[in-house]
Amino acid sequence: MATATPAFRSFATPANLLTFSRLIFLPVVIYGLVTDRYLVAVIAMFLAWITDLLDGRIARLMKQGGSRFGKALDSTIDFALIYCLFIAFYAAGRLTHFQFGILYLSMLSILTLQFFLEGTGHAGEVASTKLGKPTGALQYAYLLILVVLEIPGLREMKGVIIAHTIYFTVMAVAIILNAAEIVGMLTKMQDAGPGPGER
């Protein structure tokens, strides 16, 4: 009987499998949205959010919190989940052009920083900023809000509209400030010259 390779064992940790499960919940959320099965979408999105809360804690509990692979996997899957769903909501007409433009700015700025790191001898590093985690958390929560707003009649309530507007404004300010921080980081990195693998 074949035994698991070291590479597979390093991937197939409970924390990494929990992280990976978010890619299973992603199409379930989209399916719930496009078929008007709101409860399916809400439950799948809630489960994805729970896995995001638990995977890091489990990794630390099992003394695997320092794994570079685990951190890269977590950030990559979060990135895919968040922006695939924002694109799905935009395509479904749930986000205005302006709202999607703000969210696209976030995606574009993060990708630009990651590509810059790859091209300056910092391959394997995960792009991060001081405002990155809170901005990401705001966007993750906003996805939950958008899914809940799919419940018939809720989107049209005046109090919900006001709360939605306030939340989006706070998130938009965080995204713009984070993008400005990334521009500052890129400028400093450019002025510092090539990284260790670029010469």
N, C-alpha and C. Protein backbone atom coordinates (compact mmCIF):
# COMPACT_ATOMS: atom_id res chain seq x y z
N MET A 1 0.85 -1.20 0.00
CA MET A 1 0.00 0.00 0.00
C MET A 1 0.89 1.25 0.00
N ALA A 2 0.62 2.16 -0.93
CA ALA A 2 1.46 3.36 -1.06
C ALA A 2 1.25 4.29 0.12
N THR A 3 2.34 4.90 0.54
CA THR A 3 2.26 5.86 1.63
C THR A 3 2.30 7.27 1.06
N ALA A 4 1.77 8.22 1.81
CA ALA A 4 1.73 9.61 1.35
C ALA A 4 3.15 10.18 1.29
N THR A 5 3.41 10.96 0.27
CA THR A 5 4.71 11.59 0.13
C THR A 5 4.84 12.73 1.13
N PRO A 6 6.09 13.13 1.47
CA PRO A 6 6.26 14.27 2.39
C PRO A 6 5.57 15.53 1.89
N ALA A 7 5.62 15.75 0.55
CA ALA A 7 4.98 16.95 0.00
C ALA A 7 3.48 16.92 0.24
N PHE A 8 2.86 15.73 0.06
CA PHE A 8 1.41 15.63 0.29
C PHE A 8 1.08 15.82 1.76
N ARG A 9 1.91 15.21 2.64
CA ARG A 9 1.64 15.34 4.08
C ARG A 9 1.77 16.79 4.53
N SER A 10 2.71 17.54 3.92
CA SER A 10 2.88 18.94 4.30
C SER A 10 1.69 19.78 3.83
N PHE A 11 1.05 19.35 2.74
CA PHE A 11 -0.13 20.07 2.26
C PHE A 11 -1.38 19.66 3.02
N ALA A 12 -1.53 18.35 3.23
CA ALA A 12 -2.79 17.82 3.76
C ALA A 12 -2.86 17.89 5.28
N THR A 13 -2.57 19.06 5.82
CA THR A 13 -2.76 19.28 7.26
C THR A 13 -4.21 19.70 7.48
N PRO A 14 -4.74 19.51 8.68
CA PRO A 14 -6.12 19.93 8.94
C PRO A 14 -6.37 21.41 8.62
N ALA A 15 -5.41 22.27 8.97
CA ALA A 15 -5.58 23.70 8.72
C ALA A 15 -5.63 23.99 7.22
N ASN A 16 -4.71 23.38 6.45
CA ASN A 16 -4.68 23.62 5.01
C ASN A 16 -5.92 23.07 4.31
N LEU A 17 -6.39 21.90 4.76
CA LEU A 17 -7.61 21.33 4.17
C LEU A 17 -8.83 22.20 4.48
N LEU A 18 -8.84 22.79 5.67
CA LEU A 18 -9.92 23.71 6.03
C LEU A 18 -9.87 24.96 5.15
N THR A 19 -8.66 25.45 4.93
CA THR A 19 -8.48 26.60 4.03
C THR A 19 -8.97 26.24 2.62
N PHE A 20 -8.54 25.09 2.14
CA PHE A 20 -8.88 24.65 0.78
C PHE A 20 -10.39 24.46 0.60
N SER A 21 -11.09 24.13 1.69
CA SER A 21 -12.53 23.88 1.60
C SER A 21 -13.30 25.11 1.13
N ARG A 22 -12.70 26.29 1.28
CA ARG A 22 -13.39 27.51 0.83
C ARG A 22 -13.59 27.51 -0.68
N LEU A 23 -12.71 26.83 -1.41
CA LEU A 23 -12.90 26.72 -2.86
C LEU A 23 -14.07 25.81 -3.20
N ILE A 24 -14.48 24.95 -2.26
CA ILE A 24 -15.67 24.13 -2.47
C ILE A 24 -16.93 24.95 -2.20
N PHE A 25 -16.86 25.83 -1.18
CA PHE A 25 -18.03 26.65 -0.85
C PHE A 25 -18.27 27.74 -1.89
N LEU A 26 -17.22 28.17 -2.60
CA LEU A 26 -17.34 29.26 -3.57
C LEU A 26 -18.42 28.98 -4.63
N PRO A 27 -18.34 27.87 -5.38
CA PRO A 27 -19.39 27.63 -6.38
C PRO A 27 -20.77 27.40 -5.76
N VAL A 28 -20.81 26.93 -4.52
CA VAL A 28 -22.11 26.72 -3.85
C VAL A 28 -22.78 28.07 -3.60
N VAL A 29 -21.97 29.06 -3.15
CA VAL A 29 -22.53 30.41 -2.95
C VAL A 29 -23.06 30.96 -4.27
N ILE A 30 -22.26 30.84 -5.33
CA ILE A 30 -22.67 31.36 -6.64
C ILE A 30 -23.93 30.63 -7.14
N TYR A 31 -23.97 29.32 -6.94
CA TYR A 31 -25.16 28.54 -7.32
C TYR A 31 -26.40 29.05 -6.58
N GLY A 32 -26.25 29.29 -5.27
CA GLY A 32 -27.37 29.79 -4.49
C GLY A 32 -27.86 31.14 -4.98
N LEU A 33 -26.91 31.99 -5.41
CA LEU A 33 -27.28 33.32 -5.89
C LEU A 33 -28.02 33.26 -7.22
N VAL A 34 -27.48 32.51 -8.17
CA VAL A 34 -28.05 32.51 -9.52
C VAL A 34 -29.36 31.72 -9.60
N THR A 35 -29.60 30.85 -8.63
CA THR A 35 -30.84 30.06 -8.65
C THR A 35 -31.86 30.57 -7.63
N ASP A 36 -31.56 31.71 -7.01
CA ASP A 36 -32.44 32.32 -6.01
C ASP A 36 -32.67 31.41 -4.80
N ARG A 37 -31.69 30.55 -4.51
CA ARG A 37 -31.75 29.74 -3.29
C ARG A 37 -30.94 30.47 -2.22
N TYR A 38 -31.58 31.45 -1.61
CA TYR A 38 -30.89 32.38 -0.72
C TYR A 38 -30.29 31.67 0.49
N LEU A 39 -31.04 30.71 1.03
CA LEU A 39 -30.55 30.00 2.22
C LEU A 39 -29.27 29.22 1.91
N VAL A 40 -29.20 28.62 0.73
CA VAL A 40 -27.99 27.89 0.32
C VAL A 40 -26.80 28.84 0.27
N ALA A 41 -27.01 30.02 -0.33
CA ALA A 41 -25.93 31.00 -0.46
C ALA A 41 -25.48 31.50 0.91
N VAL A 42 -26.43 31.80 1.79
CA VAL A 42 -26.10 32.33 3.12
C VAL A 42 -25.33 31.28 3.93
N ILE A 43 -25.80 30.03 3.91
CA ILE A 43 -25.13 28.98 4.69
C ILE A 43 -23.72 28.72 4.17
N ALA A 44 -23.57 28.63 2.85
CA ALA A 44 -22.25 28.37 2.26
C ALA A 44 -21.29 29.51 2.56
N MET A 45 -21.78 30.75 2.48
CA MET A 45 -20.92 31.90 2.76
C MET A 45 -20.54 31.93 4.24
N PHE A 46 -21.47 31.59 5.10
CA PHE A 46 -21.20 31.55 6.54
C PHE A 46 -20.15 30.47 6.85
N LEU A 47 -20.28 29.31 6.22
CA LEU A 47 -19.31 28.23 6.45
C LEU A 47 -17.92 28.62 5.95
N ALA A 48 -17.87 29.31 4.80
CA ALA A 48 -16.57 29.78 4.28
C ALA A 48 -15.94 30.75 5.27
N TRP A 49 -16.75 31.64 5.83
CA TRP A 49 -16.26 32.61 6.81
C TRP A 49 -15.75 31.91 8.07
N ILE A 50 -16.47 30.88 8.51
CA ILE A 50 -16.05 30.11 9.69
C ILE A 50 -14.69 29.44 9.46
N THR A 51 -14.50 28.86 8.26
CA THR A 51 -13.21 28.21 7.98
C THR A 51 -12.08 29.23 8.00
N ASP A 52 -12.37 30.46 7.58
CA ASP A 52 -11.35 31.50 7.60
C ASP A 52 -10.97 31.88 9.03
N LEU A 53 -11.94 31.82 9.92
CA LEU A 53 -11.67 32.12 11.33
C LEU A 53 -10.90 30.99 12.01
N LEU A 54 -11.14 29.76 11.58
CA LEU A 54 -10.60 28.60 12.29
C LEU A 54 -9.25 28.11 11.79
N ASP A 55 -8.96 28.28 10.48
CA ASP A 55 -7.76 27.62 9.94
C ASP A 55 -6.47 28.10 10.61
N GLY A 56 -6.35 29.40 10.81
CA GLY A 56 -5.14 29.93 11.46
C GLY A 56 -5.01 29.46 12.91
N ARG A 57 -6.15 29.41 13.61
CA ARG A 57 -6.12 28.96 15.01
C ARG A 57 -5.72 27.49 15.11
N ILE A 58 -6.23 26.68 14.19
CA ILE A 58 -5.88 25.26 14.18
C ILE A 58 -4.40 25.08 13.85
N ALA A 59 -3.90 25.87 12.89
CA ALA A 59 -2.48 25.78 12.52
C ALA A 59 -1.59 26.11 13.72
N ARG A 60 -1.97 27.15 14.47
CA ARG A 60 -1.17 27.53 15.64
C ARG A 60 -1.28 26.47 16.74
N LEU A 61 -2.47 25.91 16.90
CA LEU A 61 -2.69 24.88 17.92
C LEU A 61 -1.85 23.63 17.63
N MET A 62 -1.68 23.32 16.34
CA MET A 62 -0.91 22.15 15.94
C MET A 62 0.54 22.48 15.62
N LYS A 63 0.96 23.70 16.04
CA LYS A 63 2.34 24.15 15.84
C LYS A 63 2.73 24.20 14.37
N GLN A 64 1.78 24.61 13.52
CA GLN A 64 2.05 24.76 12.08
C GLN A 64 1.80 26.19 11.63
N GLY A 65 1.74 27.11 12.61
CA GLY A 65 1.40 28.50 12.30
C GLY A 65 2.44 29.25 11.51
N GLY A 66 3.68 28.75 11.50
CA GLY A 66 4.73 29.48 10.79
C GLY A 66 4.95 29.02 9.37
N SER A 67 4.10 28.10 8.87
CA SER A 67 4.27 27.55 7.53
C SER A 67 4.07 28.62 6.46
N ARG A 68 5.10 28.83 5.65
CA ARG A 68 4.99 29.80 4.56
C ARG A 68 3.95 29.34 3.55
N PHE A 69 3.93 28.02 3.29
CA PHE A 69 2.95 27.47 2.35
C PHE A 69 1.53 27.72 2.85
N GLY A 70 1.30 27.48 4.14
CA GLY A 70 -0.03 27.68 4.70
C GLY A 70 -0.51 29.12 4.58
N LYS A 71 0.42 30.05 4.85
CA LYS A 71 0.06 31.47 4.74
C LYS A 71 -0.24 31.85 3.30
N ALA A 72 0.59 31.34 2.36
CA ALA A 72 0.38 31.64 0.94
C ALA A 72 -0.94 31.04 0.45
N LEU A 73 -1.23 29.80 0.90
CA LEU A 73 -2.48 29.14 0.51
C LEU A 73 -3.68 29.93 1.02
N ASP A 74 -3.62 30.36 2.28
CA ASP A 74 -4.72 31.11 2.89
C ASP A 74 -4.98 32.42 2.15
N SER A 75 -3.92 33.17 1.89
CA SER A 75 -4.11 34.47 1.23
C SER A 75 -4.56 34.30 -0.22
N THR A 76 -4.04 33.27 -0.91
CA THR A 76 -4.43 33.05 -2.31
C THR A 76 -5.89 32.64 -2.42
N ILE A 77 -6.33 31.73 -1.56
CA ILE A 77 -7.73 31.27 -1.61
C ILE A 77 -8.68 32.38 -1.18
N ASP A 78 -8.29 33.15 -0.15
CA ASP A 78 -9.12 34.30 0.24
C ASP A 78 -9.28 35.27 -0.92
N PHE A 79 -8.16 35.54 -1.61
CA PHE A 79 -8.17 36.46 -2.74
C PHE A 79 -9.14 35.94 -3.82
N ALA A 80 -9.01 34.65 -4.17
CA ALA A 80 -9.87 34.06 -5.20
C ALA A 80 -11.33 34.11 -4.79
N LEU A 81 -11.62 33.74 -3.54
CA LEU A 81 -13.00 33.71 -3.06
C LEU A 81 -13.63 35.10 -3.09
N ILE A 82 -12.93 36.07 -2.49
CA ILE A 82 -13.47 37.41 -2.37
C ILE A 82 -13.76 38.03 -3.73
N TYR A 83 -12.77 38.00 -4.63
CA TYR A 83 -12.95 38.74 -5.88
C TYR A 83 -13.76 37.97 -6.92
N CYS A 84 -13.77 36.63 -6.87
CA CYS A 84 -14.69 35.88 -7.73
C CYS A 84 -16.13 36.21 -7.37
N LEU A 85 -16.41 36.29 -6.07
CA LEU A 85 -17.78 36.60 -5.64
C LEU A 85 -18.16 38.04 -5.95
N PHE A 86 -17.22 38.97 -5.79
CA PHE A 86 -17.53 40.36 -6.16
C PHE A 86 -17.84 40.46 -7.66
N ILE A 87 -17.06 39.76 -8.47
CA ILE A 87 -17.32 39.76 -9.91
C ILE A 87 -18.69 39.15 -10.21
N ALA A 88 -19.04 38.07 -9.50
CA ALA A 88 -20.35 37.44 -9.69
C ALA A 88 -21.48 38.40 -9.30
N PHE A 89 -21.32 39.11 -8.19
CA PHE A 89 -22.34 40.07 -7.77
C PHE A 89 -22.46 41.22 -8.77
N TYR A 90 -21.33 41.66 -9.30
CA TYR A 90 -21.35 42.74 -10.30
C TYR A 90 -22.05 42.27 -11.58
N ALA A 91 -21.70 41.07 -12.02
CA ALA A 91 -22.31 40.52 -13.24
C ALA A 91 -23.81 40.34 -13.06
N ALA A 92 -24.24 40.07 -11.82
CA ALA A 92 -25.67 39.88 -11.53
C ALA A 92 -26.39 41.21 -11.31
N GLY A 93 -25.66 42.32 -11.40
CA GLY A 93 -26.28 43.63 -11.25
C GLY A 93 -26.51 44.08 -9.82
N ARG A 94 -25.84 43.41 -8.86
CA ARG A 94 -26.03 43.75 -7.45
C ARG A 94 -25.08 44.86 -6.99
N LEU A 95 -24.07 45.14 -7.79
CA LEU A 95 -23.11 46.21 -7.48
C LEU A 95 -23.14 47.23 -8.61
N THR A 96 -23.09 48.51 -8.24
CA THR A 96 -23.02 49.56 -9.26
C THR A 96 -21.62 49.58 -9.87
N HIS A 97 -21.47 50.30 -10.98
CA HIS A 97 -20.15 50.45 -11.60
C HIS A 97 -19.16 51.09 -10.62
N PHE A 98 -19.64 52.08 -9.86
CA PHE A 98 -18.77 52.77 -8.90
C PHE A 98 -18.32 51.81 -7.81
N GLN A 99 -19.26 51.06 -7.25
CA GLN A 99 -18.92 50.11 -6.18
C GLN A 99 -17.92 49.07 -6.68
N PHE A 100 -18.17 48.54 -7.86
CA PHE A 100 -17.25 47.54 -8.39
C PHE A 100 -15.89 48.16 -8.69
N GLY A 101 -15.89 49.42 -9.13
CA GLY A 101 -14.62 50.11 -9.41
C GLY A 101 -13.76 50.22 -8.16
N ILE A 102 -14.38 50.54 -7.03
CA ILE A 102 -13.65 50.62 -5.76
C ILE A 102 -13.08 49.25 -5.39
N LEU A 103 -13.90 48.21 -5.51
CA LEU A 103 -13.46 46.85 -5.18
C LEU A 103 -12.38 46.37 -6.15
N TYR A 104 -12.51 46.78 -7.41
CA TYR A 104 -11.50 46.40 -8.40
C TYR A 104 -10.17 47.09 -8.09
N LEU A 105 -10.23 48.31 -7.57
CA LEU A 105 -9.01 49.02 -7.17
C LEU A 105 -8.26 48.21 -6.12
N SER A 106 -9.00 47.63 -5.18
CA SER A 106 -8.38 46.81 -4.15
C SER A 106 -7.68 45.60 -4.77
N MET A 107 -8.39 44.90 -5.66
CA MET A 107 -7.81 43.73 -6.30
C MET A 107 -6.58 44.10 -7.12
N LEU A 108 -6.68 45.18 -7.88
CA LEU A 108 -5.59 45.59 -8.75
C LEU A 108 -4.35 46.01 -7.96
N SER A 109 -4.56 46.73 -6.86
CA SER A 109 -3.41 47.20 -6.06
C SER A 109 -2.69 46.03 -5.39
N ILE A 110 -3.46 45.05 -4.89
CA ILE A 110 -2.84 43.88 -4.25
C ILE A 110 -2.06 43.07 -5.28
N LEU A 111 -2.66 42.84 -6.45
CA LEU A 111 -1.97 42.08 -7.50
C LEU A 111 -0.71 42.80 -7.96
N THR A 112 -0.78 44.12 -8.08
CA THR A 112 0.39 44.89 -8.50
C THR A 112 1.54 44.72 -7.51
N LEU A 113 1.23 44.81 -6.23
CA LEU A 113 2.26 44.63 -5.20
C LEU A 113 2.84 43.22 -5.26
N GLN A 114 1.98 42.21 -5.44
CA GLN A 114 2.45 40.82 -5.50
C GLN A 114 3.35 40.60 -6.71
N PHE A 115 2.93 41.11 -7.86
CA PHE A 115 3.74 40.97 -9.07
C PHE A 115 5.08 41.68 -8.93
N PHE A 116 5.05 42.84 -8.27
CA PHE A 116 6.29 43.60 -8.07
C PHE A 116 7.24 42.81 -7.18
N LEU A 117 6.71 42.18 -6.12
CA LEU A 117 7.56 41.36 -5.25
C LEU A 117 8.18 40.21 -6.02
N GLU A 118 7.38 39.57 -6.88
CA GLU A 118 7.89 38.45 -7.68
C GLU A 118 9.00 38.91 -8.61
N GLY A 119 8.88 40.13 -9.13
CA GLY A 119 9.84 40.61 -10.11
C GLY A 119 11.07 41.27 -9.52
N THR A 120 11.13 41.41 -8.21
CA THR A 120 12.28 42.07 -7.59
C THR A 120 13.02 41.16 -6.62
N GLY A 121 12.97 39.86 -6.89
CA GLY A 121 13.75 38.93 -6.08
C GLY A 121 13.12 38.57 -4.76
N HIS A 122 11.82 38.83 -4.59
CA HIS A 122 11.13 38.48 -3.34
C HIS A 122 10.08 37.42 -3.60
N ALA A 123 10.38 36.51 -4.55
CA ALA A 123 9.43 35.45 -4.91
C ALA A 123 9.08 34.62 -3.68
N GLY A 124 7.80 34.28 -3.56
CA GLY A 124 7.35 33.47 -2.44
C GLY A 124 6.82 34.28 -1.28
N GLU A 125 7.12 35.59 -1.25
CA GLU A 125 6.58 36.44 -0.19
C GLU A 125 5.12 36.78 -0.51
N VAL A 126 4.32 36.88 0.54
CA VAL A 126 2.92 37.25 0.37
C VAL A 126 2.80 38.76 0.54
N ALA A 127 2.20 39.41 -0.45
CA ALA A 127 2.03 40.85 -0.39
C ALA A 127 1.20 41.23 0.83
N SER A 128 1.71 42.16 1.66
CA SER A 128 0.95 42.59 2.83
C SER A 128 1.26 44.04 3.15
N THR A 129 0.27 44.70 3.73
CA THR A 129 0.42 46.09 4.16
C THR A 129 -0.16 46.22 5.56
N LYS A 130 0.05 47.37 6.18
CA LYS A 130 -0.50 47.60 7.52
C LYS A 130 -2.02 47.56 7.50
N LEU A 131 -2.61 48.09 6.43
CA LEU A 131 -4.07 48.14 6.33
C LEU A 131 -4.64 46.93 5.61
N GLY A 132 -3.77 46.02 5.17
CA GLY A 132 -4.23 44.88 4.37
C GLY A 132 -5.23 44.00 5.09
N LYS A 133 -4.91 43.59 6.33
CA LYS A 133 -5.81 42.67 7.05
C LYS A 133 -7.15 43.31 7.37
N PRO A 134 -7.18 44.54 7.96
CA PRO A 134 -8.51 45.13 8.22
C PRO A 134 -9.31 45.39 6.96
N THR A 135 -8.61 45.78 5.88
CA THR A 135 -9.32 46.02 4.61
C THR A 135 -9.90 44.72 4.08
N GLY A 136 -9.11 43.64 4.16
CA GLY A 136 -9.60 42.33 3.73
C GLY A 136 -10.76 41.86 4.57
N ALA A 137 -10.69 42.10 5.89
CA ALA A 137 -11.78 41.70 6.78
C ALA A 137 -13.07 42.46 6.45
N LEU A 138 -12.93 43.75 6.14
CA LEU A 138 -14.10 44.54 5.76
C LEU A 138 -14.74 44.00 4.48
N GLN A 139 -13.90 43.60 3.52
CA GLN A 139 -14.43 43.06 2.26
C GLN A 139 -15.08 41.70 2.46
N TYR A 140 -14.48 40.88 3.32
CA TYR A 140 -15.06 39.57 3.61
C TYR A 140 -16.44 39.75 4.24
N ALA A 141 -16.53 40.66 5.21
CA ALA A 141 -17.81 40.92 5.86
C ALA A 141 -18.82 41.50 4.87
N TYR A 142 -18.32 42.31 3.92
CA TYR A 142 -19.21 42.90 2.92
C TYR A 142 -19.83 41.82 2.04
N LEU A 143 -19.06 40.77 1.76
CA LEU A 143 -19.62 39.65 1.00
C LEU A 143 -20.78 39.01 1.76
N LEU A 144 -20.60 38.84 3.07
CA LEU A 144 -21.69 38.30 3.89
C LEU A 144 -22.92 39.20 3.82
N ILE A 145 -22.67 40.52 3.88
CA ILE A 145 -23.78 41.48 3.79
C ILE A 145 -24.50 41.35 2.46
N LEU A 146 -23.72 41.26 1.35
CA LEU A 146 -24.33 41.16 0.02
C LEU A 146 -25.16 39.88 -0.10
N VAL A 147 -24.67 38.79 0.47
CA VAL A 147 -25.42 37.53 0.41
C VAL A 147 -26.73 37.65 1.19
N VAL A 148 -26.65 38.23 2.39
CA VAL A 148 -27.85 38.40 3.22
C VAL A 148 -28.86 39.33 2.52
N LEU A 149 -28.35 40.34 1.82
CA LEU A 149 -29.24 41.27 1.11
C LEU A 149 -29.99 40.62 -0.04
N GLU A 150 -29.62 39.39 -0.39
CA GLU A 150 -30.35 38.66 -1.42
C GLU A 150 -31.73 38.20 -0.91
N ILE A 151 -31.93 38.21 0.41
CA ILE A 151 -33.23 37.83 0.96
C ILE A 151 -34.28 38.82 0.46
N PRO A 152 -35.35 38.34 -0.16
CA PRO A 152 -36.36 39.24 -0.76
C PRO A 152 -36.89 40.28 0.22
N GLY A 153 -36.93 41.53 -0.26
CA GLY A 153 -37.49 42.63 0.51
C GLY A 153 -36.51 43.34 1.42
N LEU A 154 -35.41 42.69 1.75
CA LEU A 154 -34.46 43.28 2.71
C LEU A 154 -33.70 44.45 2.10
N ARG A 155 -33.32 44.33 0.84
CA ARG A 155 -32.52 45.36 0.17
C ARG A 155 -33.26 46.69 0.08
N GLU A 156 -34.59 46.64 0.04
CA GLU A 156 -35.37 47.88 -0.15
C GLU A 156 -35.69 48.61 1.15
N MET A 157 -35.39 48.02 2.29
CA MET A 157 -35.71 48.66 3.58
C MET A 157 -34.81 49.88 3.79
N LYS A 158 -35.43 51.00 4.24
CA LYS A 158 -34.70 52.26 4.36
C LYS A 158 -33.52 52.16 5.31
N GLY A 159 -33.72 51.55 6.48
CA GLY A 159 -32.64 51.41 7.45
C GLY A 159 -31.49 50.59 6.90
N VAL A 160 -31.82 49.55 6.14
CA VAL A 160 -30.80 48.69 5.53
C VAL A 160 -30.01 49.46 4.48
N ILE A 161 -30.72 50.28 3.70
CA ILE A 161 -30.05 51.09 2.68
C ILE A 161 -29.04 52.05 3.32
N ILE A 162 -29.44 52.70 4.41
CA ILE A 162 -28.56 53.65 5.10
C ILE A 162 -27.34 52.92 5.68
N ALA A 163 -27.60 51.79 6.36
CA ALA A 163 -26.50 51.01 6.96
C ALA A 163 -25.54 50.51 5.89
N HIS A 164 -26.10 50.06 4.76
CA HIS A 164 -25.30 49.57 3.64
C HIS A 164 -24.40 50.68 3.09
N THR A 165 -24.98 51.86 2.93
CA THR A 165 -24.22 53.00 2.41
C THR A 165 -23.08 53.39 3.34
N ILE A 166 -23.36 53.43 4.64
CA ILE A 166 -22.33 53.78 5.63
C ILE A 166 -21.21 52.74 5.61
N TYR A 167 -21.59 51.46 5.60
CA TYR A 167 -20.57 50.40 5.62
C TYR A 167 -19.70 50.47 4.37
N PHE A 168 -20.34 50.64 3.21
CA PHE A 168 -19.56 50.68 1.97
C PHE A 168 -18.61 51.87 1.97
N THR A 169 -19.06 53.00 2.51
CA THR A 169 -18.20 54.20 2.56
C THR A 169 -16.96 53.94 3.41
N VAL A 170 -17.16 53.32 4.58
CA VAL A 170 -16.02 52.99 5.46
C VAL A 170 -15.07 52.05 4.74
N MET A 171 -15.62 51.03 4.08
CA MET A 171 -14.78 50.07 3.36
C MET A 171 -14.05 50.73 2.20
N ALA A 172 -14.72 51.63 1.48
CA ALA A 172 -14.11 52.31 0.35
C ALA A 172 -12.93 53.18 0.81
N VAL A 173 -13.09 53.86 1.94
CA VAL A 173 -11.99 54.68 2.48
C VAL A 173 -10.80 53.78 2.83
N ALA A 174 -11.08 52.63 3.45
CA ALA A 174 -10.01 51.69 3.80
C ALA A 174 -9.30 51.19 2.55
N ILE A 175 -10.05 50.89 1.50
CA ILE A 175 -9.46 50.39 0.25
C ILE A 175 -8.57 51.46 -0.38
N ILE A 176 -9.05 52.71 -0.40
CA ILE A 176 -8.27 53.80 -1.00
C ILE A 176 -6.99 54.05 -0.21
N LEU A 177 -7.10 54.04 1.12
CA LEU A 177 -5.91 54.24 1.96
C LEU A 177 -4.91 53.09 1.79
N ASN A 178 -5.43 51.87 1.68
CA ASN A 178 -4.55 50.71 1.46
C ASN A 178 -3.86 50.80 0.12
N ALA A 179 -4.60 51.22 -0.91
CA ALA A 179 -4.00 51.39 -2.24
C ALA A 179 -2.91 52.46 -2.21
N ALA A 180 -3.17 53.55 -1.46
CA ALA A 180 -2.16 54.61 -1.32
C ALA A 180 -0.92 54.08 -0.61
N GLU A 181 -1.13 53.22 0.41
CA GLU A 181 0.00 52.61 1.12
C GLU A 181 0.81 51.73 0.18
N ILE A 182 0.13 51.00 -0.69
CA ILE A 182 0.82 50.14 -1.66
C ILE A 182 1.64 50.97 -2.63
N VAL A 183 1.08 52.08 -3.10
CA VAL A 183 1.83 52.96 -4.00
C VAL A 183 3.09 53.47 -3.31
N GLY A 184 2.97 53.85 -2.03
CA GLY A 184 4.13 54.29 -1.27
C GLY A 184 5.18 53.20 -1.14
N MET A 185 4.73 51.95 -0.88
CA MET A 185 5.65 50.82 -0.77
C MET A 185 6.36 50.55 -2.09
N LEU A 186 5.62 50.61 -3.18
CA LEU A 186 6.21 50.37 -4.50
C LEU A 186 7.25 51.43 -4.85
N THR A 187 6.95 52.68 -4.48
CA THR A 187 7.89 53.77 -4.73
C THR A 187 9.18 53.57 -3.96
N LYS A 188 9.05 53.19 -2.68
CA LYS A 188 10.25 52.96 -1.86
C LYS A 188 11.06 51.77 -2.39
N MET A 189 10.35 50.71 -2.78
CA MET A 189 11.04 49.53 -3.30
C MET A 189 11.75 49.84 -4.61
N GLN A 190 11.13 50.67 -5.43
CA GLN A 190 11.75 51.06 -6.71
C GLN A 190 12.99 51.90 -6.47
N ASP A 191 12.90 52.82 -5.51
CA ASP A 191 14.05 53.68 -5.19
C ASP A 191 15.20 52.89 -4.58
N ALA A 192 14.85 51.79 -3.88
CA ALA A 192 15.89 50.98 -3.21
C ALA A 192 16.68 50.15 -4.19
N GLY A 193 16.19 50.00 -5.42
CA GLY A 193 16.93 49.22 -6.39
C GLY A 193 16.49 47.77 -6.42
N PRO A 194 17.18 46.93 -7.21
CA PRO A 194 16.77 45.54 -7.39
C PRO A 194 16.95 44.72 -6.13
N GLY A 195 16.12 43.70 -5.99
CA GLY A 195 16.18 42.81 -4.85
C GLY A 195 17.26 41.76 -5.02
N PRO A 196 17.37 40.83 -4.05
CA PRO A 196 18.46 39.87 -4.03
C PRO A 196 18.48 38.91 -5.21
N GLY A 197 17.41 38.67 -5.91
CA GLY A 197 17.45 37.72 -7.01
C GLY A 197 17.37 38.37 -8.38
N GLU A 198 17.45 39.70 -8.44
CA GLU A 198 17.17 40.39 -9.69
C GLU A 198 18.42 40.80 -10.44
N ARG A 199 19.55 40.91 -9.80
CA ARG A 199 20.77 41.40 -10.46
C ARG A 199 21.25 40.43 -11.53
